[in-house]
Amino acid sequence: MPAEREDFPVVRVAALARLRLSPAESALYQEQLGRILSFFGQVAAVDVGAPPAGPAITGASATERPDAVCPSLSSEAALANAPDAAGLPRLVRVPKVLGP
């Protein structure tokens, strides 16, 4: 099981992340990583079996609600709090984010 391994390269991974660890920090992180991996091992060991198929999982029926036509917002209401929404047609100007 990976949790029992103590040769995980904590120092090497820290170096790749450009972190400087003291020997005490390396030992602490090695121990914490071992505990985390043991928790994953416990989760992986749980036998969940095969889940039931279909709507029986949630108890929901296979029916869907009917579509209903509802009024939508006017453009003025939709853009009421938008920044810099002036002019016609009422558009919202945003800062340029691509290329010069």
PDB file of N, CA and C in Angstrom:
ATOM      1  N   MET A   1       0.849  -1.181   0.000  1.00  0.00           N
ATOM      2  CA  MET A   1       0.000   0.000   0.000  1.00  0.00           C
ATOM      3  C   MET A   1       0.891   1.240   0.000  1.00  0.00           C
ATOM      4  N   PRO A   2       0.563   2.280  -0.779  1.00  0.00           N
ATOM      5  CA  PRO A   2       1.409   3.461  -0.868  1.00  0.00           C
ATOM      6  C   PRO A   2       1.603   4.171   0.463  1.00  0.00           C
ATOM      7  N   ALA A   3       0.646   4.065   1.387  1.00  0.00           N
ATOM      8  CA  ALA A   3       0.759   4.773   2.653  1.00  0.00           C
ATOM      9  C   ALA A   3       1.904   4.235   3.489  1.00  0.00           C
ATOM     10  N   GLU A   4       2.285   2.989   3.264  1.00  0.00           N
ATOM     11  CA  GLU A   4       3.332   2.388   4.057  1.00  0.00           C
ATOM     12  C   GLU A   4       4.715   2.729   3.508  1.00  0.00           C
ATOM     13  N   ARG A   5       4.768   3.289   2.319  1.00  0.00           N
ATOM     14  CA  ARG A   5       6.050   3.643   1.723  1.00  0.00           C
ATOM     15  C   ARG A   5       6.566   4.912   2.364  1.00  0.00           C
ATOM     16  N   GLU A   6       7.834   4.904   2.691  1.00  0.00           N
ATOM     17  CA  GLU A   6       8.433   6.103   3.250  1.00  0.00           C
ATOM     18  C   GLU A   6       9.473   6.681   2.302  1.00  0.00           C
ATOM     19  N   ASP A   7       9.504   6.178   1.081  1.00  0.00           N
ATOM     20  CA  ASP A   7      10.499   6.654   0.128  1.00  0.00           C
ATOM     21  C   ASP A   7       9.919   7.614  -0.898  1.00  0.00           C
ATOM     22  N   PHE A   8       8.723   8.169  -0.608  1.00  0.00           N
ATOM     23  CA  PHE A   8       8.166   9.158  -1.520  1.00  0.00           C
ATOM     24  C   PHE A   8       9.108  10.357  -1.528  1.00  0.00           C
ATOM     25  N   PRO A   9       9.495  10.837  -2.691  1.00  0.00           N
ATOM     26  CA  PRO A   9      10.520  11.885  -2.771  1.00  0.00           C
ATOM     27  C   PRO A   9       9.991  13.277  -2.427  1.00  0.00           C
ATOM     28  N   VAL A  10       9.692  13.495  -1.146  1.00  0.00           N
ATOM     29  CA  VAL A  10       9.181  14.797  -0.710  1.00  0.00           C
ATOM     30  C   VAL A  10      10.177  15.895  -1.032  1.00  0.00           C
ATOM     31  N   VAL A  11      11.441  15.637  -0.796  1.00  0.00           N
ATOM     32  CA  VAL A  11      12.474  16.652  -1.049  1.00  0.00           C
ATOM     33  C   VAL A  11      12.558  16.957  -2.540  1.00  0.00           C
ATOM     34  N   ARG A  12      12.480  15.932  -3.381  1.00  0.00           N
ATOM     35  CA  ARG A  12      12.551  16.136  -4.831  1.00  0.00           C
ATOM     36  C   ARG A  12      11.337  16.918  -5.334  1.00  0.00           C
ATOM     37  N   VAL A  13      10.163  16.568  -4.846  1.00  0.00           N
ATOM     38  CA  VAL A  13       8.955  17.286  -5.261  1.00  0.00           C
ATOM     39  C   VAL A  13       9.023  18.736  -4.791  1.00  0.00           C
ATOM     40  N   ALA A  14       9.524  18.954  -3.593  1.00  0.00           N
ATOM     41  CA  ALA A  14       9.685  20.324  -3.102  1.00  0.00           C
ATOM     42  C   ALA A  14      10.668  21.092  -3.980  1.00  0.00           C
ATOM     43  N   ALA A  15      11.733  20.440  -4.414  1.00  0.00           N
ATOM     44  CA  ALA A  15      12.705  21.105  -5.295  1.00  0.00           C
ATOM     45  C   ALA A  15      12.068  21.449  -6.633  1.00  0.00           C
ATOM     46  N   LEU A  16      11.237  20.551  -7.163  1.00  0.00           N
ATOM     47  CA  LEU A  16      10.551  20.843  -8.423  1.00  0.00           C
ATOM     48  C   LEU A  16       9.605  22.033  -8.268  1.00  0.00           C
ATOM     49  N   ALA A  17       9.033  22.179  -7.081  1.00  0.00           N
ATOM     50  CA  ALA A  17       8.140  23.305  -6.810  1.00  0.00           C
ATOM     51  C   ALA A  17       8.915  24.533  -6.335  1.00  0.00           C
ATOM     52  N   ARG A  18      10.235  24.420  -6.337  1.00  0.00           N
ATOM     53  CA  ARG A  18      11.131  25.494  -5.910  1.00  0.00           C
ATOM     54  C   ARG A  18      10.868  25.917  -4.471  1.00  0.00           C
ATOM     55  N   LEU A  19      10.693  24.907  -3.619  1.00  0.00           N
ATOM     56  CA  LEU A  19      10.528  25.126  -2.190  1.00  0.00           C
ATOM     57  C   LEU A  19      11.761  24.612  -1.472  1.00  0.00           C
ATOM     58  N   ARG A  20      12.198  25.329  -0.476  1.00  0.00           N
ATOM     59  CA  ARG A  20      13.312  24.869   0.345  1.00  0.00           C
ATOM     60  C   ARG A  20      12.731  24.339   1.646  1.00  0.00           C
ATOM     61  N   LEU A  21      12.987  23.082   1.929  1.00  0.00           N
ATOM     62  CA  LEU A  21      12.480  22.469   3.148  1.00  0.00           C
ATOM     63  C   LEU A  21      13.630  22.124   4.073  1.00  0.00           C
ATOM     64  N   SER A  22      13.418  22.379   5.356  1.00  0.00           N
ATOM     65  CA  SER A  22      14.392  21.930   6.342  1.00  0.00           C
ATOM     66  C   SER A  22      14.191  20.434   6.557  1.00  0.00           C
ATOM     67  N   PRO A  23      15.148  19.761   7.147  1.00  0.00           N
ATOM     68  CA  PRO A  23      14.966  18.330   7.430  1.00  0.00           C
ATOM     69  C   PRO A  23      13.739  18.062   8.308  1.00  0.00           C
ATOM     70  N   ALA A  24      13.453  18.963   9.245  1.00  0.00           N
ATOM     71  CA  ALA A  24      12.275  18.786  10.101  1.00  0.00           C
ATOM     72  C   ALA A  24      10.994  18.906   9.287  1.00  0.00           C
ATOM     73  N   GLU A  25      10.965  19.880   8.356  1.00  0.00           N
ATOM     74  CA  GLU A  25       9.786  20.033   7.500  1.00  0.00           C
ATOM     75  C   GLU A  25       9.616  18.831   6.580  1.00  0.00           C
ATOM     76  N   SER A  26      10.722  18.331   6.033  1.00  0.00           N
ATOM     77  CA  SER A  26      10.645  17.150   5.174  1.00  0.00           C
ATOM     78  C   SER A  26      10.068  15.963   5.923  1.00  0.00           C
ATOM     79  N   ALA A  27      10.529  15.754   7.144  1.00  0.00           N
ATOM     80  CA  ALA A  27      10.016  14.641   7.954  1.00  0.00           C
ATOM     81  C   ALA A  27       8.541  14.844   8.269  1.00  0.00           C
ATOM     82  N   LEU A  28       8.158  16.073   8.602  1.00  0.00           N
ATOM     83  CA  LEU A  28       6.758  16.365   8.914  1.00  0.00           C
ATOM     84  C   LEU A  28       5.873  16.117   7.701  1.00  0.00           C
ATOM     85  N   TYR A  29       6.281  16.607   6.539  1.00  0.00           N
ATOM     86  CA  TYR A  29       5.468  16.433   5.332  1.00  0.00           C
ATOM     87  C   TYR A  29       5.425  14.972   4.902  1.00  0.00           C
ATOM     88  N   GLN A  30       6.532  14.256   5.120  1.00  0.00           N
ATOM     89  CA  GLN A  30       6.548  12.832   4.793  1.00  0.00           C
ATOM     90  C   GLN A  30       5.529  12.092   5.664  1.00  0.00           C
ATOM     91  N   GLU A  31       5.477  12.423   6.938  1.00  0.00           N
ATOM     92  CA  GLU A  31       4.531  11.777   7.859  1.00  0.00           C
ATOM     93  C   GLU A  31       3.098  12.149   7.505  1.00  0.00           C
ATOM     94  N   GLN A  32       2.849  13.428   7.186  1.00  0.00           N
ATOM     95  CA  GLN A  32       1.504  13.868   6.815  1.00  0.00           C
ATOM     96  C   GLN A  32       1.060  13.213   5.513  1.00  0.00           C
ATOM     97  N   LEU A  33       1.953  13.113   4.560  1.00  0.00           N
ATOM     98  CA  LEU A  33       1.626  12.469   3.290  1.00  0.00           C
ATOM     99  C   LEU A  33       1.301  10.995   3.507  1.00  0.00           C
ATOM    100  N   GLY A  34       2.026  10.342   4.378  1.00  0.00           N
ATOM    101  CA  GLY A  34       1.736   8.951   4.694  1.00  0.00           C
ATOM    102  C   GLY A  34       0.348   8.779   5.285  1.00  0.00           C
ATOM    103  N   ARG A  35      -0.044   9.699   6.174  1.00  0.00           N
ATOM    104  CA  ARG A  35      -1.389   9.629   6.755  1.00  0.00           C
ATOM    105  C   ARG A  35      -2.460   9.871   5.699  1.00  0.00           C
ATOM    106  N   ILE A  36      -2.234  10.822   4.814  1.00  0.00           N
ATOM    107  CA  ILE A  36      -3.202  11.100   3.748  1.00  0.00           C
ATOM    108  C   ILE A  36      -3.356   9.888   2.851  1.00  0.00           C
ATOM    109  N   LEU A  37      -2.246   9.291   2.462  1.00  0.00           N
ATOM    110  CA  LEU A  37      -2.307   8.121   1.593  1.00  0.00           C
ATOM    111  C   LEU A  37      -2.961   6.933   2.298  1.00  0.00           C
ATOM    112  N   SER A  38      -2.804   6.832   3.613  1.00  0.00           N
ATOM    113  CA  SER A  38      -3.479   5.743   4.328  1.00  0.00           C
ATOM    114  C   SER A  38      -4.984   5.955   4.320  1.00  0.00           C
ATOM    115  N   PHE A  39      -5.428   7.199   4.399  1.00  0.00           N
ATOM    116  CA  PHE A  39      -6.870   7.475   4.297  1.00  0.00           C
ATOM    117  C   PHE A  39      -7.398   7.069   2.924  1.00  0.00           C
ATOM    118  N   PHE A  40      -6.636   7.373   1.874  1.00  0.00           N
ATOM    119  CA  PHE A  40      -7.041   6.946   0.535  1.00  0.00           C
ATOM    120  C   PHE A  40      -7.086   5.420   0.444  1.00  0.00           C
ATOM    121  N   GLY A  41      -6.158   4.762   1.111  1.00  0.00           N
ATOM    122  CA  GLY A  41      -6.161   3.310   1.126  1.00  0.00           C
ATOM    123  C   GLY A  41      -7.402   2.760   1.804  1.00  0.00           C
ATOM    124  N   GLN A  42      -7.843   3.424   2.877  1.00  0.00           N
ATOM    125  CA  GLN A  42      -9.075   2.992   3.557  1.00  0.00           C
ATOM    126  C   GLN A  42     -10.282   3.168   2.652  1.00  0.00           C
ATOM    127  N   VAL A  43     -10.337   4.266   1.939  1.00  0.00           N
ATOM    128  CA  VAL A  43     -11.458   4.515   1.027  1.00  0.00           C
ATOM    129  C   VAL A  43     -11.450   3.494  -0.104  1.00  0.00           C
ATOM    130  N   ALA A  44     -10.277   3.213  -0.637  1.00  0.00           N
ATOM    131  CA  ALA A  44     -10.174   2.259  -1.741  1.00  0.00           C
ATOM    132  C   ALA A  44     -10.544   0.846  -1.300  1.00  0.00           C
ATOM    133  N   ALA A  45     -10.382   0.538  -0.005  1.00  0.00           N
ATOM    134  CA  ALA A  45     -10.670  -0.802   0.487  1.00  0.00           C
ATOM    135  C   ALA A  45     -12.161  -1.051   0.719  1.00  0.00           C
ATOM    136  N   VAL A  46     -12.975  -0.018   0.708  1.00  0.00           N
ATOM    137  CA  VAL A  46     -14.406  -0.171   0.957  1.00  0.00           C
ATOM    138  C   VAL A  46     -15.059  -0.848  -0.241  1.00  0.00           C
ATOM    139  N   ASP A  47     -15.840  -1.891   0.039  1.00  0.00           N
ATOM    140  CA  ASP A  47     -16.566  -2.593  -1.021  1.00  0.00           C
ATOM    141  C   ASP A  47     -17.914  -1.912  -1.196  1.00  0.00           C
ATOM    142  N   VAL A  48     -18.070  -1.211  -2.300  1.00  0.00           N
ATOM    143  CA  VAL A  48     -19.328  -0.506  -2.539  1.00  0.00           C
ATOM    144  C   VAL A  48     -20.296  -1.326  -3.371  1.00  0.00           C
ATOM    145  N   GLY A  49     -19.839  -2.395  -3.945  1.00  0.00           N
ATOM    146  CA  GLY A  49     -20.723  -3.237  -4.751  1.00  0.00           C
ATOM    147  C   GLY A  49     -21.196  -2.503  -5.990  1.00  0.00           C
ATOM    148  N   ALA A  50     -22.149  -3.085  -6.651  1.00  0.00           N
ATOM    149  CA  ALA A  50     -22.694  -2.478  -7.864  1.00  0.00           C
ATOM    150  C   ALA A  50     -23.865  -1.570  -7.491  1.00  0.00           C
ATOM    151  N   PRO A  51     -23.893  -0.365  -7.986  1.00  0.00           N
ATOM    152  CA  PRO A  51     -25.011   0.526  -7.673  1.00  0.00           C
ATOM    153  C   PRO A  51     -26.278   0.073  -8.398  1.00  0.00           C
ATOM    154  N   PRO A  52     -27.429   0.370  -7.834  1.00  0.00           N
ATOM    155  CA  PRO A  52     -28.662   0.028  -8.536  1.00  0.00           C
ATOM    156  C   PRO A  52     -28.791   0.859  -9.812  1.00  0.00           C
ATOM    157  N   ALA A  53     -29.499   0.338 -10.778  1.00  0.00           N
ATOM    158  CA  ALA A  53     -29.628   1.018 -12.060  1.00  0.00           C
ATOM    159  C   ALA A  53     -30.860   1.903 -12.092  1.00  0.00           C
ATOM    160  N   GLY A  54     -30.777   2.960 -12.872  1.00  0.00           N
ATOM    161  CA  GLY A  54     -31.937   3.790 -13.168  1.00  0.00           C
ATOM    162  C   GLY A  54     -32.373   4.720 -12.059  1.00  0.00           C
ATOM    163  N   PRO A  55     -33.620   5.180 -12.139  1.00  0.00           N
ATOM    164  CA  PRO A  55     -34.121   6.170 -11.196  1.00  0.00           C
ATOM    165  C   PRO A  55     -34.288   5.639  -9.774  1.00  0.00           C
ATOM    166  N   ALA A  56     -34.089   4.363  -9.548  1.00  0.00           N
ATOM    167  CA  ALA A  56     -34.224   3.817  -8.204  1.00  0.00           C
ATOM    168  C   ALA A  56     -33.193   4.410  -7.256  1.00  0.00           C
ATOM    169  N   ILE A  57     -32.121   4.976  -7.797  1.00  0.00           N
ATOM    170  CA  ILE A  57     -31.077   5.568  -6.961  1.00  0.00           C
ATOM    171  C   ILE A  57     -31.645   6.770  -6.213  1.00  0.00           C
ATOM    172  N   THR A  58     -32.320   7.638  -6.901  1.00  0.00           N
ATOM    173  CA  THR A  58     -32.813   8.861  -6.279  1.00  0.00           C
ATOM    174  C   THR A  58     -34.277   8.775  -5.883  1.00  0.00           C
ATOM    175  N   GLY A  59     -34.970   7.772  -6.351  1.00  0.00           N
ATOM    176  CA  GLY A  59     -36.395   7.675  -6.069  1.00  0.00           C
ATOM    177  C   GLY A  59     -37.217   8.575  -6.972  1.00  0.00           C
ATOM    178  N   ALA A  60     -36.588   9.179  -7.959  1.00  0.00           N
ATOM    179  CA  ALA A  60     -37.297  10.081  -8.864  1.00  0.00           C
ATOM    180  C   ALA A  60     -38.049   9.281  -9.918  1.00  0.00           C
ATOM    181  N   SER A  61     -39.118   9.854 -10.368  1.00  0.00           N
ATOM    182  CA  SER A  61     -39.845   9.198 -11.451  1.00  0.00           C
ATOM    183  C   SER A  61     -39.235   9.606 -12.782  1.00  0.00           C
ATOM    184  N   ALA A  62     -39.610   8.914 -13.825  1.00  0.00           N
ATOM    185  CA  ALA A  62     -39.064   9.188 -15.145  1.00  0.00           C
ATOM    186  C   ALA A  62     -39.792  10.336 -15.839  1.00  0.00           C
ATOM    187  N   THR A  63     -40.776  10.939 -15.193  1.00  0.00           N
ATOM    188  CA  THR A  63     -41.516  12.026 -15.835  1.00  0.00           C
ATOM    189  C   THR A  63     -40.769  13.339 -15.671  1.00  0.00           C
ATOM    190  N   GLU A  64     -40.963  14.222 -16.605  1.00  0.00           N
ATOM    191  CA  GLU A  64     -40.355  15.538 -16.554  1.00  0.00           C
ATOM    192  C   GLU A  64     -41.452  16.578 -16.472  1.00  0.00           C
ATOM    193  N   ARG A  65     -41.102  17.723 -15.966  1.00  0.00           N
ATOM    194  CA  ARG A  65     -42.105  18.773 -15.871  1.00  0.00           C
ATOM    195  C   ARG A  65     -42.377  19.349 -17.256  1.00  0.00           C
ATOM    196  N   PRO A  66     -43.556  19.838 -17.477  1.00  0.00           N
ATOM    197  CA  PRO A  66     -43.852  20.420 -18.792  1.00  0.00           C
ATOM    198  C   PRO A  66     -43.155  21.772 -18.957  1.00  0.00           C
ATOM    199  N   ASP A  67     -42.866  22.103 -20.198  1.00  0.00           N
ATOM    200  CA  ASP A  67     -42.290  23.409 -20.487  1.00  0.00           C
ATOM    201  C   ASP A  67     -43.365  24.472 -20.323  1.00  0.00           C
ATOM    202  N   ALA A  68     -42.968  25.592 -19.761  1.00  0.00           N
ATOM    203  CA  ALA A  68     -43.909  26.693 -19.582  1.00  0.00           C
ATOM    204  C   ALA A  68     -43.268  27.961 -20.133  1.00  0.00           C
ATOM    205  N   VAL A  69     -44.005  28.708 -20.902  1.00  0.00           N
ATOM    206  CA  VAL A  69     -43.518  29.959 -21.459  1.00  0.00           C
ATOM    207  C   VAL A  69     -43.659  31.034 -20.383  1.00  0.00           C
ATOM    208  N   CYS A  70     -42.557  31.708 -20.090  1.00  0.00           N
ATOM    209  CA  CYS A  70     -42.550  32.774 -19.084  1.00  0.00           C
ATOM    210  C   CYS A  70     -41.997  34.032 -19.729  1.00  0.00           C
ATOM    211  N   PRO A  71     -42.394  35.174 -19.241  1.00  0.00           N
ATOM    212  CA  PRO A  71     -41.843  36.418 -19.797  1.00  0.00           C
ATOM    213  C   PRO A  71     -40.368  36.550 -19.412  1.00  0.00           C
ATOM    214  N   SER A  72     -39.581  37.108 -20.323  1.00  0.00           N
ATOM    215  CA  SER A  72     -38.163  37.306 -20.039  1.00  0.00           C
ATOM    216  C   SER A  72     -37.910  38.755 -19.666  1.00  0.00           C
ATOM    217  N   LEU A  73     -36.680  39.039 -19.254  1.00  0.00           N
ATOM    218  CA  LEU A  73     -36.308  40.404 -18.884  1.00  0.00           C
ATOM    219  C   LEU A  73     -36.184  41.279 -20.125  1.00  0.00           C
ATOM    220  N   SER A  74     -36.487  42.533 -19.968  1.00  0.00           N
ATOM    221  CA  SER A  74     -36.226  43.476 -21.051  1.00  0.00           C
ATOM    222  C   SER A  74     -34.722  43.748 -21.082  1.00  0.00           C
ATOM    223  N   SER A  75     -34.229  44.255 -22.193  1.00  0.00           N
ATOM    224  CA  SER A  75     -32.789  44.534 -22.273  1.00  0.00           C
ATOM    225  C   SER A  75     -32.392  45.595 -21.255  1.00  0.00           C
ATOM    226  N   GLU A  76     -33.267  46.553 -20.979  1.00  0.00           N
ATOM    227  CA  GLU A  76     -32.962  47.588 -19.985  1.00  0.00           C
ATOM    228  C   GLU A  76     -32.815  46.979 -18.598  1.00  0.00           C
ATOM    229  N   ALA A  77     -33.704  46.052 -18.248  1.00  0.00           N
ATOM    230  CA  ALA A  77     -33.630  45.419 -16.933  1.00  0.00           C
ATOM    231  C   ALA A  77     -32.404  44.509 -16.832  1.00  0.00           C
ATOM    232  N   ALA A  78     -32.099  43.798 -17.898  1.00  0.00           N
ATOM    233  CA  ALA A  78     -30.957  42.890 -17.878  1.00  0.00           C
ATOM    234  C   ALA A  78     -29.641  43.646 -17.778  1.00  0.00           C
ATOM    235  N   LEU A  79     -29.556  44.821 -18.393  1.00  0.00           N
ATOM    236  CA  LEU A  79     -28.318  45.596 -18.407  1.00  0.00           C
ATOM    237  C   LEU A  79     -28.309  46.730 -17.392  1.00  0.00           C
ATOM    238  N   ALA A  80     -29.267  46.756 -16.489  1.00  0.00           N
ATOM    239  CA  ALA A  80     -29.379  47.866 -15.537  1.00  0.00           C
ATOM    240  C   ALA A  80     -28.133  48.025 -14.680  1.00  0.00           C
ATOM    241  N   ASN A  81     -27.500  46.955 -14.262  1.00  0.00           N
ATOM    242  CA  ASN A  81     -26.322  47.034 -13.402  1.00  0.00           C
ATOM    243  C   ASN A  81     -25.018  46.752 -14.144  1.00  0.00           C
ATOM    244  N   ALA A  82     -25.075  46.638 -15.457  1.00  0.00           N
ATOM    245  CA  ALA A  82     -23.875  46.349 -16.233  1.00  0.00           C
ATOM    246  C   ALA A  82     -23.008  47.598 -16.343  1.00  0.00           C
ATOM    247  N   PRO A  83     -21.690  47.433 -16.255  1.00  0.00           N
ATOM    248  CA  PRO A  83     -20.816  48.597 -16.398  1.00  0.00           C
ATOM    249  C   PRO A  83     -20.712  49.017 -17.859  1.00  0.00           C
ATOM    250  N   ASP A  84     -20.721  50.287 -18.093  1.00  0.00           N
ATOM    251  CA  ASP A  84     -20.482  50.845 -19.428  1.00  0.00           C
ATOM    252  C   ASP A  84     -21.431  50.266 -20.476  1.00  0.00           C
ATOM    253  N   ALA A  85     -22.723  50.259 -20.172  1.00  0.00           N
ATOM    254  CA  ALA A  85     -23.720  49.732 -21.108  1.00  0.00           C
ATOM    255  C   ALA A  85     -24.475  50.897 -21.727  1.00  0.00           C
ATOM    256  N   ALA A  86     -23.786  51.613 -22.583  1.00  0.00           N
ATOM    257  CA  ALA A  86     -24.397  52.795 -23.174  1.00  0.00           C
ATOM    258  C   ALA A  86     -24.592  52.589 -24.663  1.00  0.00           C
ATOM    259  N   GLY A  87     -25.435  53.409 -25.228  1.00  0.00           N
ATOM    260  CA  GLY A  87     -25.631  53.407 -26.666  1.00  0.00           C
ATOM    261  C   GLY A  87     -26.650  52.387 -27.127  1.00  0.00           C
ATOM    262  N   LEU A  88     -26.897  52.437 -28.432  1.00  0.00           N
ATOM    263  CA  LEU A  88     -27.821  51.496 -29.047  1.00  0.00           C
ATOM    264  C   LEU A  88     -27.067  50.678 -30.073  1.00  0.00           C
ATOM    265  N   PRO A  89     -27.249  49.442 -30.262  1.00  0.00           N
ATOM    266  CA  PRO A  89     -28.028  48.589 -29.376  1.00  0.00           C
ATOM    267  C   PRO A  89     -27.311  48.473 -28.041  1.00  0.00           C
ATOM    268  N   ARG A  90     -28.053  48.292 -26.983  1.00  0.00           N
ATOM    269  CA  ARG A  90     -27.494  48.284 -25.634  1.00  0.00           C
ATOM    270  C   ARG A  90     -26.534  47.101 -25.482  1.00  0.00           C
ATOM    271  N   LEU A  91     -25.256  47.389 -25.591  1.00  0.00           N
ATOM    272  CA  LEU A  91     -24.202  46.380 -25.476  1.00  0.00           C
ATOM    273  C   LEU A  91     -23.317  46.732 -24.300  1.00  0.00           C
ATOM    274  N   VAL A  92     -22.631  45.749 -23.785  1.00  0.00           N
ATOM    275  CA  VAL A  92     -21.691  45.965 -22.680  1.00  0.00           C
ATOM    276  C   VAL A  92     -20.300  45.945 -23.247  1.00  0.00           C
ATOM    277  N   ARG A  93     -19.538  47.019 -23.023  1.00  0.00           N
ATOM    278  CA  ARG A  93     -18.153  47.048 -23.463  1.00  0.00           C
ATOM    279  C   ARG A  93     -17.290  46.422 -22.379  1.00  0.00           C
ATOM    280  N   VAL A  94     -16.360  45.571 -22.818  1.00  0.00           N
ATOM    281  CA  VAL A  94     -15.436  44.906 -21.889  1.00  0.00           C
ATOM    282  C   VAL A  94     -14.020  45.197 -22.339  1.00  0.00           C
ATOM    283  N   PRO A  95     -13.050  45.113 -21.419  1.00  0.00           N
ATOM    284  CA  PRO A  95     -11.662  45.363 -21.819  1.00  0.00           C
ATOM    285  C   PRO A  95     -11.159  44.291 -22.786  1.00  0.00           C
ATOM    286  N   LYS A  96     -10.294  44.706 -23.668  1.00  0.00           N
ATOM    287  CA  LYS A  96      -9.678  43.812 -24.634  1.00  0.00           C
ATOM    288  C   LYS A  96      -8.713  42.887 -23.892  1.00  0.00           C
ATOM    289  N   VAL A  97      -8.803  41.574 -24.145  1.00  0.00           N
ATOM    290  CA  VAL A  97      -7.939  40.642 -23.447  1.00  0.00           C
ATOM    291  C   VAL A  97      -7.036  39.843 -24.383  1.00  0.00           C
ATOM    292  N   LEU A  98      -7.235  39.961 -25.673  1.00  0.00           N
ATOM    293  CA  LEU A  98      -6.435  39.208 -26.631  1.00  0.00           C
ATOM    294  C   LEU A  98      -5.565  40.125 -27.456  1.00  0.00           C
ATOM    295  N   GLY A  99      -4.299  39.814 -27.516  1.00  0.00           N
ATOM    296  CA  GLY A  99      -3.363  40.464 -28.423  1.00  0.00           C
ATOM    297  C   GLY A  99      -3.396  41.983 -28.446  1.00  0.00           C
ATOM    298  N   PRO A 100      -2.433  42.571 -29.131  1.00  0.00           N
ATOM    299  CA  PRO A 100      -2.355  44.036 -29.229  1.00  0.00           C
ATOM    300  C   PRO A 100      -3.357  44.599 -30.212  1.00  0.00           C
TER     301      PRO A 100
END
